[in-house]
C-alpha atoms as a PDB file:
ATOM      1  CA  MET A   1     116.853 232.026 139.744  1.00  0.00           C
ATOM      2  CA  ALA A   2     113.585 232.700 140.655  1.00  0.00           C
ATOM      3  CA  VAL A   3     110.583 231.432 138.591  1.00  0.00           C
ATOM      4  CA  ASP A   4     107.195 233.188 137.931  1.00  0.00           C
ATOM      5  CA  ILE A   5     104.595 230.402 138.111  1.00  0.00           C
ATOM      6  CA  THR A   6     102.036 232.894 137.256  1.00  0.00           C
ATOM      7  CA  ASN A   7     103.711 233.656 134.018  1.00  0.00           C
ATOM      8  CA  PRO A   8     101.261 232.266 131.148  1.00  0.00           C
ATOM      9  CA  GLN A   9     104.356 231.618 129.150  1.00  0.00           C
ATOM     10  CA  PHE A  10     105.925 229.742 131.580  1.00  0.00           C
ATOM     11  CA  ILE A  11     102.848 227.532 132.233  1.00  0.00           C
ATOM     12  CA  ALA A  12     102.312 226.946 128.525  1.00  0.00           C
ATOM     13  CA  GLN A  13     105.954 225.661 127.865  1.00  0.00           C
ATOM     14  CA  LEU A  14     105.563 223.387 131.041  1.00  0.00           C
ATOM     15  CA  ILE A  15     102.198 221.938 129.733  1.00  0.00           C
ATOM     16  CA  GLU A  16     103.848 221.394 126.479  1.00  0.00           C
ATOM     17  CA  LYS A  17     106.794 219.573 128.075  1.00  0.00           C
ATOM     18  CA  GLU A  18     104.417 217.101 129.951  1.00  0.00           C
ATOM     19  CA  ARG A  19     102.695 216.353 126.703  1.00  0.00           C
ATOM     20  CA  ARG A  20     105.622 215.726 124.669  1.00  0.00           C
ATOM     21  CA  GLU A  21     107.195 213.175 127.664  1.00  0.00           C
ATOM     22  CA  HIS A  22     103.492 211.760 127.856  1.00  0.00           C
ATOM     23  CA  ARG A  23     103.580 210.853 124.050  1.00  0.00           C
ATOM     24  CA  SER A  24     106.856 209.825 123.819  1.00  0.00           C
ATOM     25  CA  GLY A  25     106.051 207.236 126.669  1.00  0.00           C
ATOM     26  CA  GLY A  26     102.851 206.468 125.316  1.00  0.00           C
ATOM     27  CA  ARG A  27     104.599 205.017 121.892  1.00  0.00           C
ATOM     28  CA  TRP A  28     106.414 202.340 123.966  1.00  0.00           C
ATOM     29  CA  VAL A  29     102.966 201.589 126.093  1.00  0.00           C
ATOM     30  CA  ILE A  30     101.057 200.984 122.933  1.00  0.00           C
ATOM     31  CA  VAL A  31     103.464 198.482 121.596  1.00  0.00           C
ATOM     32  CA  PRO A  32     102.729 195.283 124.064  1.00  0.00           C
ATOM     33  CA  ILE A  33      99.015 196.084 123.762  1.00  0.00           C
ATOM     34  CA  VAL A  34      98.967 196.095 119.811  1.00  0.00           C
ATOM     35  CA  ALA A  35     101.220 192.802 120.273  1.00  0.00           C
ATOM     36  CA  MET A  36      98.725 191.326 122.925  1.00  0.00           C
ATOM     37  CA  THR A  37      95.598 192.129 120.480  1.00  0.00           C
ATOM     38  CA  ILE A  38      97.036 190.431 117.687  1.00  0.00           C
ATOM     39  CA  ALA A  39      98.005 187.197 119.682  1.00  0.00           C
ATOM     40  CA  TYR A  40      94.206 187.132 121.113  1.00  0.00           C
ATOM     41  CA  LEU A  41      92.760 187.564 118.151  1.00  0.00           C
ATOM     42  CA  THR A  42      94.601 185.302 115.682  1.00  0.00           C
ATOM     43  CA  PRO A  43      93.090 182.160 116.620  1.00  0.00           C
ATOM     44  CA  LEU A  44      89.544 183.732 116.746  1.00  0.00           C
ATOM     45  CA  TYR A  45      90.193 184.843 113.045  1.00  0.00           C
ATOM     46  CA  TYR A  46      91.502 181.574 112.195  1.00  0.00           C
ATOM     47  CA  LEU A  47      88.569 179.795 113.752  1.00  0.00           C
ATOM     48  CA  PHE A  48      86.218 182.197 111.584  1.00  0.00           C
ATOM     49  CA  VAL A  49      88.262 181.516 108.430  1.00  0.00           C
ATOM     50  CA  THR A  50      88.395 177.817 108.740  1.00  0.00           C
ATOM     51  CA  ILE A  51      84.627 177.059 109.489  1.00  0.00           C
ATOM     52  CA  PHE A  52      83.932 178.594 105.826  1.00  0.00           C
ATOM     53  CA  LYS A  53      86.604 176.130 104.103  1.00  0.00           C
ATOM     54  CA  THR A  54      85.988 172.835 102.517  1.00  0.00           C
ATOM     55  CA  SER A  55      88.642 169.948 103.430  1.00  0.00           C
ATOM     56  CA  GLU A  56      89.972 170.004  99.820  1.00  0.00           C
ATOM     57  CA  GLU A  57      90.191 174.135 100.297  1.00  0.00           C
ATOM     58  CA  TYR A  58      91.829 174.035 103.976  1.00  0.00           C
ATOM     59  CA  ALA A  59      94.579 171.632 102.330  1.00  0.00           C
ATOM     60  CA  ARG A  60      95.281 173.656  99.397  1.00  0.00           C
ATOM     61  CA  LYS A  61      95.487 177.043 101.174  1.00  0.00           C
ATOM     62  CA  GLY A  62      97.542 178.626 103.780  1.00  0.00           C
ATOM     63  CA  VAL A  63      95.472 178.200 107.303  1.00  0.00           C
ATOM     64  CA  LEU A  64      95.013 181.846 107.386  1.00  0.00           C
ATOM     65  CA  GLU A  65      93.820 182.865 103.926  1.00  0.00           C
ATOM     66  CA  LEU A  66      90.483 183.848 103.531  1.00  0.00           C
ATOM     67  CA  PRO A  67      87.958 181.267 102.049  1.00  0.00           C
ATOM     68  CA  ASP A  68      86.544 181.170  98.369  1.00  0.00           C
ATOM     69  CA  SER A  69      82.791 181.542  99.618  1.00  0.00           C
ATOM     70  CA  LEU A  70      80.830 181.200 102.850  1.00  0.00           C
ATOM     71  CA  ALA A  71      78.745 178.216 101.525  1.00  0.00           C
ATOM     72  CA  PRO A  72      80.629 175.280 103.019  1.00  0.00           C
ATOM     73  CA  VAL A  73      79.988 176.196 106.515  1.00  0.00           C
ATOM     74  CA  LEU A  74      76.575 174.612 106.188  1.00  0.00           C
ATOM     75  CA  GLU A  75      78.071 171.220 104.878  1.00  0.00           C
ATOM     76  CA  ASN A  76      80.598 171.562 107.834  1.00  0.00           C
ATOM     77  CA  VAL A  77      78.000 172.156 110.294  1.00  0.00           C
ATOM     78  CA  VAL A  78      75.705 169.157 109.004  1.00  0.00           C
ATOM     79  CA  GLN A  79      78.853 166.752 108.781  1.00  0.00           C
ATOM     80  CA  ALA A  80      79.878 167.635 112.439  1.00  0.00           C
ATOM     81  CA  TRP A  81      76.504 167.476 113.787  1.00  0.00           C
ATOM     82  CA  THR A  82      75.891 164.045 112.186  1.00  0.00           C
ATOM     83  CA  VAL A  83      79.111 162.211 112.152  1.00  0.00           C
ATOM     84  CA  GLY A  84      80.010 163.255 115.865  1.00  0.00           C
ATOM     85  CA  ASN A  85      76.251 162.328 116.946  1.00  0.00           C
ATOM     86  CA  MET A  86      76.464 166.105 118.481  1.00  0.00           C
ATOM     87  CA  GLY A  87      72.381 166.254 119.075  1.00  0.00           C
ATOM     88  CA  GLN A  88      72.409 163.347 121.651  1.00  0.00           C
ATOM     89  CA  ALA A  89      75.950 164.855 123.173  1.00  0.00           C
ATOM     90  CA  SER A  90      74.650 168.255 123.659  1.00  0.00           C
ATOM     91  CA  LEU A  91      71.283 167.136 125.247  1.00  0.00           C
ATOM     92  CA  ASN A  92      73.523 164.982 127.611  1.00  0.00           C
ATOM     93  CA  SER A  93      75.921 167.546 128.286  1.00  0.00           C
ATOM     94  CA  PHE A  94      73.041 170.285 128.622  1.00  0.00           C
ATOM     95  CA  SER A  95      71.084 167.970 131.206  1.00  0.00           C
ATOM     96  CA  TYR A  96      74.491 167.623 133.245  1.00  0.00           C
ATOM     97  CA  ALA A  97      74.869 171.143 133.429  1.00  0.00           C
ATOM     98  CA  LEU A  98      71.796 172.345 133.784  1.00  0.00           C
ATOM     99  CA  ILE A  99      70.642 169.962 136.978  1.00  0.00           C
ATOM    100  CA  GLY A 100      74.189 169.374 138.126  1.00  0.00           C
ATOM    101  CA  ALA A 101      75.002 172.977 138.719  1.00  0.00           C
ATOM    102  CA  ALA A 102      71.470 173.657 140.380  1.00  0.00           C
ATOM    103  CA  ILE A 103      71.899 170.833 142.882  1.00  0.00           C
ATOM    104  CA  ALA A 104      74.974 171.637 143.930  1.00  0.00           C
ATOM    105  CA  VAL A 105      74.877 175.076 144.160  1.00  0.00           C
ATOM    106  CA  GLY A 106      71.488 174.273 146.121  1.00  0.00           C
ATOM    107  CA  ILE A 107      73.320 171.979 148.290  1.00  0.00           C
ATOM    108  CA  ALA A 108      76.135 174.392 148.893  1.00  0.00           C
ATOM    109  CA  ALA A 109      73.557 177.248 149.935  1.00  0.00           C
ATOM    110  CA  ALA A 110      71.761 175.084 152.366  1.00  0.00           C
ATOM    111  CA  ALA A 111      75.169 174.070 153.976  1.00  0.00           C
ATOM    112  CA  ALA A 112      76.584 177.324 154.040  1.00  0.00           C
ATOM    113  CA  TYR A 113      73.225 178.540 155.727  1.00  0.00           C
ATOM    114  CA  GLY A 114      73.770 176.017 158.299  1.00  0.00           C
ATOM    115  CA  MET A 115      77.158 177.164 159.111  1.00  0.00           C
ATOM    116  CA  THR A 116      76.685 180.657 159.112  1.00  0.00           C
ATOM    117  CA  ARG A 117      73.177 181.362 160.833  1.00  0.00           C
ATOM    118  CA  LEU A 118      72.330 178.036 163.033  1.00  0.00           C
ATOM    119  CA  ASN A 119      75.195 177.808 165.039  1.00  0.00           C
ATOM    120  CA  LEU A 120      76.267 174.383 164.372  1.00  0.00           C
ATOM    121  CA  ILE A 121      78.939 172.282 166.361  1.00  0.00           C
ATOM    122  CA  GLY A 122      82.020 172.156 164.425  1.00  0.00           C
ATOM    123  CA  ALA A 123      80.845 174.336 161.481  1.00  0.00           C
ATOM    124  CA  ASN A 124      84.378 175.041 160.644  1.00  0.00           C
ATOM    125  CA  GLY A 125      85.539 171.575 160.994  1.00  0.00           C
ATOM    126  CA  TRP A 126      82.846 170.530 158.498  1.00  0.00           C
ATOM    127  CA  PHE A 127      83.560 173.213 155.995  1.00  0.00           C
ATOM    128  CA  MET A 128      87.509 172.440 156.087  1.00  0.00           C
ATOM    129  CA  LEU A 129      86.492 168.278 155.571  1.00  0.00           C
ATOM    130  CA  ILE A 130      84.186 169.452 152.420  1.00  0.00           C
ATOM    131  CA  PHE A 131      86.622 172.039 151.193  1.00  0.00           C
ATOM    132  CA  THR A 132      89.883 169.695 151.908  1.00  0.00           C
ATOM    133  CA  GLY A 133      88.791 167.508 148.701  1.00  0.00           C
ATOM    134  CA  THR A 134      89.473 170.417 146.258  1.00  0.00           C
ATOM    135  CA  LEU A 135      93.394 170.713 147.408  1.00  0.00           C
ATOM    136  CA  PHE A 136      94.081 167.402 145.585  1.00  0.00           C
ATOM    137  CA  PRO A 137      94.536 166.851 141.744  1.00  0.00           C
ATOM    138  CA  PHE A 138      91.034 165.610 140.127  1.00  0.00           C
ATOM    139  CA  GLN A 139      93.275 162.845 138.218  1.00  0.00           C
ATOM    140  CA  MET A 140      93.639 161.122 141.716  1.00  0.00           C
ATOM    141  CA  TYR A 141      90.024 160.524 142.005  1.00  0.00           C
ATOM    142  CA  LEU A 142      89.782 158.536 138.503  1.00  0.00           C
ATOM    143  CA  VAL A 143      90.692 155.148 139.359  1.00  0.00           C
ATOM    144  CA  PRO A 144      88.862 154.773 142.688  1.00  0.00           C
ATOM    145  CA  LEU A 145      85.639 156.199 141.048  1.00  0.00           C
ATOM    146  CA  LEU A 146      86.150 153.941 138.047  1.00  0.00           C
ATOM    147  CA  PHE A 147      86.358 150.962 139.906  1.00  0.00           C
ATOM    148  CA  GLY A 148      83.592 152.042 142.337  1.00  0.00           C
ATOM    149  CA  TYR A 149      81.408 152.637 139.760  1.00  0.00           C
ATOM    150  CA  GLN A 150      81.984 149.232 137.952  1.00  0.00           C
ATOM    151  CA  ARG A 151      81.223 147.642 141.287  1.00  0.00           C
ATOM    152  CA  VAL A 152      78.349 149.509 141.852  1.00  0.00           C
ATOM    153  CA  GLY A 153      77.082 148.975 138.238  1.00  0.00           C
ATOM    154  CA  ILE A 154      76.675 152.994 137.218  1.00  0.00           C
ATOM    155  CA  ILE A 155      79.536 153.204 134.657  1.00  0.00           C
ATOM    156  CA  ASN A 156      78.258 154.680 131.667  1.00  0.00           C
ATOM    157  CA  SER A 157      75.020 155.866 133.075  1.00  0.00           C
ATOM    158  CA  TRP A 158      73.433 159.258 133.246  1.00  0.00           C
ATOM    159  CA  GLY A 159      72.807 158.944 136.838  1.00  0.00           C
ATOM    160  CA  GLY A 160      76.098 158.243 137.652  1.00  0.00           C
ATOM    161  CA  MET A 161      77.517 161.267 135.845  1.00  0.00           C
ATOM    162  CA  LEU A 162      75.296 163.687 137.603  1.00  0.00           C
ATOM    163  CA  LEU A 163      76.318 162.506 140.822  1.00  0.00           C
ATOM    164  CA  VAL A 164      79.945 162.990 140.245  1.00  0.00           C
ATOM    165  CA  TYR A 165      79.478 166.279 138.988  1.00  0.00           C
ATOM    166  CA  VAL A 166      77.339 167.394 142.088  1.00  0.00           C
ATOM    167  CA  ALA A 167      79.819 166.195 144.177  1.00  0.00           C
ATOM    168  CA  LEU A 168      82.641 167.774 142.428  1.00  0.00           C
ATOM    169  CA  CYS A 169      80.725 171.195 142.207  1.00  0.00           C
ATOM    170  CA  ILE A 170      79.689 171.757 145.702  1.00  0.00           C
ATOM    171  CA  PRO A 171      83.001 172.922 147.616  1.00  0.00           C
ATOM    172  CA  PHE A 172      83.801 175.924 145.720  1.00  0.00           C
ATOM    173  CA  PRO A 173      80.196 177.373 145.873  1.00  0.00           C
ATOM    174  CA  LEU A 174      80.242 176.498 149.595  1.00  0.00           C
ATOM    175  CA  LEU A 175      83.216 178.820 149.896  1.00  0.00           C
ATOM    176  CA  VAL A 176      81.769 181.581 148.367  1.00  0.00           C
ATOM    177  CA  LEU A 177      78.405 181.401 149.840  1.00  0.00           C
ATOM    178  CA  ARG A 178      79.712 181.154 153.201  1.00  0.00           C
ATOM    179  CA  ASN A 179      81.697 184.358 152.865  1.00  0.00           C
ATOM    180  CA  ALA A 180      78.199 185.962 151.013  1.00  0.00           C
ATOM    181  CA  PHE A 181      76.014 184.810 153.797  1.00  0.00           C
ATOM    182  CA  SER A 182      78.317 185.870 156.578  1.00  0.00           C
ATOM    183  CA  GLY A 183      78.170 189.649 155.145  1.00  0.00           C
ATOM    184  CA  ILE A 184      74.196 189.503 155.713  1.00  0.00           C
ATOM    185  CA  THR A 185      73.172 190.979 158.974  1.00  0.00           C
ATOM    186  CA  LYS A 186      71.664 188.413 161.427  1.00  0.00           C
ATOM    187  CA  GLU A 187      69.311 191.163 162.471  1.00  0.00           C
ATOM    188  CA  VAL A 188      67.314 190.236 159.311  1.00  0.00           C
ATOM    189  CA  ASP A 189      66.658 186.666 159.959  1.00  0.00           C
ATOM    190  CA  GLU A 190      66.260 187.281 163.829  1.00  0.00           C
ATOM    191  CA  ALA A 191      63.447 189.720 162.898  1.00  0.00           C
ATOM    192  CA  ALA A 192      61.918 186.881 160.629  1.00  0.00           C
ATOM    193  CA  ARG A 193      62.018 184.528 163.348  1.00  0.00           C
ATOM    194  CA  ILE A 194      60.307 186.761 165.887  1.00  0.00           C
ATOM    195  CA  GLU A 195      57.298 186.998 163.430  1.00  0.00           C
ATOM    196  CA  GLY A 196      57.071 183.381 163.441  1.00  0.00           C
ATOM    197  CA  ALA A 197      58.820 182.352 160.307  1.00  0.00           C
ATOM    198  CA  SER A 198      60.460 178.974 159.972  1.00  0.00           C
ATOM    199  CA  GLU A 199      64.155 178.274 159.193  1.00  0.00           C
ATOM    200  CA  TRP A 200      62.893 177.245 155.598  1.00  0.00           C
ATOM    201  CA  ARG A 201      61.155 180.476 155.213  1.00  0.00           C
ATOM    202  CA  VAL A 202      64.087 182.550 156.474  1.00  0.00           C
ATOM    203  CA  PHE A 203      66.472 180.632 154.059  1.00  0.00           C
ATOM    204  CA  THR A 204      64.337 180.868 150.972  1.00  0.00           C
ATOM    205  CA  SER A 205      62.687 184.148 151.729  1.00  0.00           C
ATOM    206  CA  MET A 206      65.439 186.349 153.390  1.00  0.00           C
ATOM    207  CA  ILE A 207      68.712 184.930 152.879  1.00  0.00           C
ATOM    208  CA  LEU A 208      68.623 183.800 149.374  1.00  0.00           C
ATOM    209  CA  PRO A 209      66.979 186.917 147.848  1.00  0.00           C
ATOM    210  CA  ASN A 210      69.966 188.928 149.351  1.00  0.00           C
ATOM    211  CA  ALA A 211      72.731 186.756 147.848  1.00  0.00           C
ATOM    212  CA  THR A 212      71.161 186.579 144.122  1.00  0.00           C
ATOM    213  CA  GLY A 213      74.318 187.908 142.683  1.00  0.00           C
ATOM    214  CA  PRO A 214      76.777 185.091 143.921  1.00  0.00           C
ATOM    215  CA  LEU A 215      74.324 182.577 143.304  1.00  0.00           C
ATOM    216  CA  ILE A 216      73.738 183.099 139.789  1.00  0.00           C
ATOM    217  CA  ALA A 217      77.230 183.636 139.228  1.00  0.00           C
ATOM    218  CA  LEU A 218      78.044 180.408 140.827  1.00  0.00           C
ATOM    219  CA  TYR A 219      75.521 178.352 138.793  1.00  0.00           C
ATOM    220  CA  LEU A 220      77.128 180.039 135.810  1.00  0.00           C
ATOM    221  CA  LEU A 221      80.588 178.821 136.475  1.00  0.00           C
ATOM    222  CA  GLN A 222      79.309 175.501 137.453  1.00  0.00           C
ATOM    223  CA  PHE A 223      77.335 174.929 134.492  1.00  0.00           C
ATOM    224  CA  THR A 224      80.499 175.989 132.205  1.00  0.00           C
ATOM    225  CA  PHE A 225      82.720 173.448 134.219  1.00  0.00           C
ATOM    226  CA  ILE A 226      80.253 170.706 133.858  1.00  0.00           C
ATOM    227  CA  TRP A 227      79.785 171.410 129.954  1.00  0.00           C
ATOM    228  CA  ASN A 228      83.349 171.855 129.323  1.00  0.00           C
ATOM    229  CA  ASP A 229      84.360 168.511 131.457  1.00  0.00           C
ATOM    230  CA  LEU A 230      86.485 165.821 129.347  1.00  0.00           C
ATOM    231  CA  LEU A 231      88.477 164.411 132.167  1.00  0.00           C
ATOM    232  CA  PHE A 232      85.569 162.452 134.003  1.00  0.00           C
ATOM    233  CA  SER A 233      83.339 162.033 131.053  1.00  0.00           C
ATOM    234  CA  SER A 234      85.790 160.244 128.899  1.00  0.00           C
ATOM    235  CA  ILE A 235      86.359 157.865 131.779  1.00  0.00           C
ATOM    236  CA  LEU A 236      83.085 157.121 133.120  1.00  0.00           C
ATOM    237  CA  ALA A 237      80.694 157.708 130.654  1.00  0.00           C
ATOM    238  CA  ASN A 238      82.044 157.136 127.156  1.00  0.00           C
ATOM    239  CA  GLY A 239      79.099 155.190 125.731  1.00  0.00           C
ATOM    240  CA  ILE A 240      77.158 157.100 122.696  1.00  0.00           C
ATOM    241  CA  GLU A 241      73.934 157.373 124.656  1.00  0.00           C
ATOM    242  CA  VAL A 242      75.615 159.249 127.810  1.00  0.00           C
ATOM    243  CA  ARG A 243      78.661 160.617 126.450  1.00  0.00           C
ATOM    244  CA  SER A 244      79.185 164.673 126.752  1.00  0.00           C
ATOM    245  CA  ILE A 245      79.595 167.094 124.005  1.00  0.00           C
ATOM    246  CA  MET A 246      83.454 167.257 124.912  1.00  0.00           C
ATOM    247  CA  VAL A 247      83.920 163.584 124.309  1.00  0.00           C
ATOM    248  CA  ALA A 248      81.867 163.858 121.363  1.00  0.00           C
ATOM    249  CA  LEU A 249      84.517 166.269 119.790  1.00  0.00           C
ATOM    250  CA  GLN A 250      87.358 164.180 120.818  1.00  0.00           C
ATOM    251  CA  SER A 251      85.876 161.257 118.691  1.00  0.00           C
ATOM    252  CA  LEU A 252      85.967 163.628 115.791  1.00  0.00           C
ATOM    253  CA  GLN A 253      89.739 163.938 115.891  1.00  0.00           C
ATOM    254  CA  GLY A 254      90.430 160.553 117.074  1.00  0.00           C
ATOM    255  CA  THR A 255      93.078 157.981 114.885  1.00  0.00           C
ATOM    256  CA  TYR A 256      90.393 156.672 112.986  1.00  0.00           C
ATOM    257  CA  SER A 257      88.854 159.772 112.200  1.00  0.00           C
ATOM    258  CA  THR A 258      88.748 161.236 108.397  1.00  0.00           C
ATOM    259  CA  LEU A 259      87.347 164.577 109.038  1.00  0.00           C
ATOM    260  CA  GLY A 260      89.353 167.368 108.378  1.00  0.00           C
ATOM    261  CA  PRO A 261      90.267 170.416 110.598  1.00  0.00           C
ATOM    262  CA  ASN A 262      87.657 172.608 109.110  1.00  0.00           C
ATOM    263  CA  VAL A 263      84.666 170.204 110.252  1.00  0.00           C
ATOM    264  CA  VAL A 264      86.413 169.732 113.963  1.00  0.00           C
ATOM    265  CA  ILE A 265      86.613 173.433 114.254  1.00  0.00           C
ATOM    266  CA  THR A 266      83.097 173.875 113.364  1.00  0.00           C
ATOM    267  CA  ALA A 267      81.927 171.338 115.780  1.00  0.00           C
ATOM    268  CA  THR A 268      84.040 173.344 118.663  1.00  0.00           C
ATOM    269  CA  LEU A 269      82.316 176.448 117.717  1.00  0.00           C
ATOM    270  CA  ILE A 270      78.887 174.956 117.776  1.00  0.00           C
ATOM    271  CA  SER A 271      79.779 173.538 121.248  1.00  0.00           C
ATOM    272  CA  SER A 272      80.679 176.833 122.650  1.00  0.00           C
ATOM    273  CA  ILE A 273      77.197 178.456 121.486  1.00  0.00           C
ATOM    274  CA  PRO A 274      75.434 177.473 124.858  1.00  0.00           C
ATOM    275  CA  THR A 275      77.676 178.784 127.384  1.00  0.00           C
ATOM    276  CA  VAL A 276      78.093 181.821 125.449  1.00  0.00           C
ATOM    277  CA  ILE A 277      74.351 182.513 125.409  1.00  0.00           C
ATOM    278  CA  LEU A 278      74.251 181.828 128.907  1.00  0.00           C
ATOM    279  CA  PHE A 279      76.799 183.975 129.937  1.00  0.00           C
ATOM    280  CA  ILE A 280      74.947 187.242 127.667  1.00  0.00           C
ATOM    281  CA  ALA A 281      71.993 186.248 129.105  1.00  0.00           C
ATOM    282  CA  LEU A 282      73.282 186.315 132.943  1.00  0.00           C
ATOM    283  CA  ARG A 283      76.055 188.765 132.480  1.00  0.00           C
ATOM    284  CA  LYS A 284      74.526 191.612 134.595  1.00  0.00           C
ATOM    285  CA  TYR A 285      74.112 188.891 137.634  1.00  0.00           C
ATOM    286  CA  PHE A 286      77.415 187.583 136.945  1.00  0.00           C
ATOM    287  CA  MET A 287      79.360 190.953 137.305  1.00  0.00           C
ATOM    288  CA  ALA A 288      77.296 191.461 140.638  1.00  0.00           C
ATOM    289  CA  GLY A 289      78.280 188.101 141.655  1.00  0.00           C
ATOM    290  CA  LEU A 290      81.936 188.729 141.052  1.00  0.00           C
ATOM    291  CA  GLN A 291      81.913 191.304 143.638  1.00  0.00           C
ATOM    292  CA  LEU A 292      80.176 188.642 146.194  1.00  0.00           C
ATOM    293  CA  GLY A 293      77.726 191.145 146.955  1.00  0.00           C
ATOM    294  CA  SER A 294      74.247 191.234 147.909  1.00  0.00           C
ATOM    295  CA  LYS A 295      72.166 191.496 144.771  1.00  0.00           C
END
């Protein structure tokens, strides 16, 4: 039987059939979306209702019940800040992350420039040697580092922690920047050399500005890694004067801690503020850097 595809009634029926099938299929799609949304938002809801409760109120009420008032959050903040000595710990972590990430990305950028622009002998071998260290779990480095730091005398020291963070944060930026620099045409730096520019001038004025996106994205990632580190800081620097913010948080929920979960969660929220602010401030460059582009 022939069908007249120019018949308006036939076309309307076909469109209506497509709409019904789309609606029936959409109902099943929305179920997992709603389930995943609830699963994602529930911990956030728990966090924000808990920081407004007192310890007595937290023990008396259900964990997801709304608080009686918003006033307890100030007491929780003060208690978390003073008992956990979070001021000194935050300053320590901020200095580790700010300086350590900058040095690591800077060294990785210089190494990537040498491997991609200077025709170094064995450049690929040096790259594999540096990057191979990331293939092993970090836990296997702890014992040698601990004994080595004790023998050298830099255990529980600011410089010792900065050194280990810089070393840990070099390989991944080197991998990314090596690929990013390879995508920049060599005609750019060759033209600069013809004009008399030194290698340092080519590196700082021609290559780095063309890799701003990846550089800032890598800095943000390494800053976050150092800020959130607990593994190395709890072993190599657990003294009050040099311990990180994560070690301070760990001390709030130790065996001898008398603080309630409301104070611990408040401290956790405080510790997340710097990385959130940094991400918001650099989000434009971060998104550009994810493309390993040339912004």
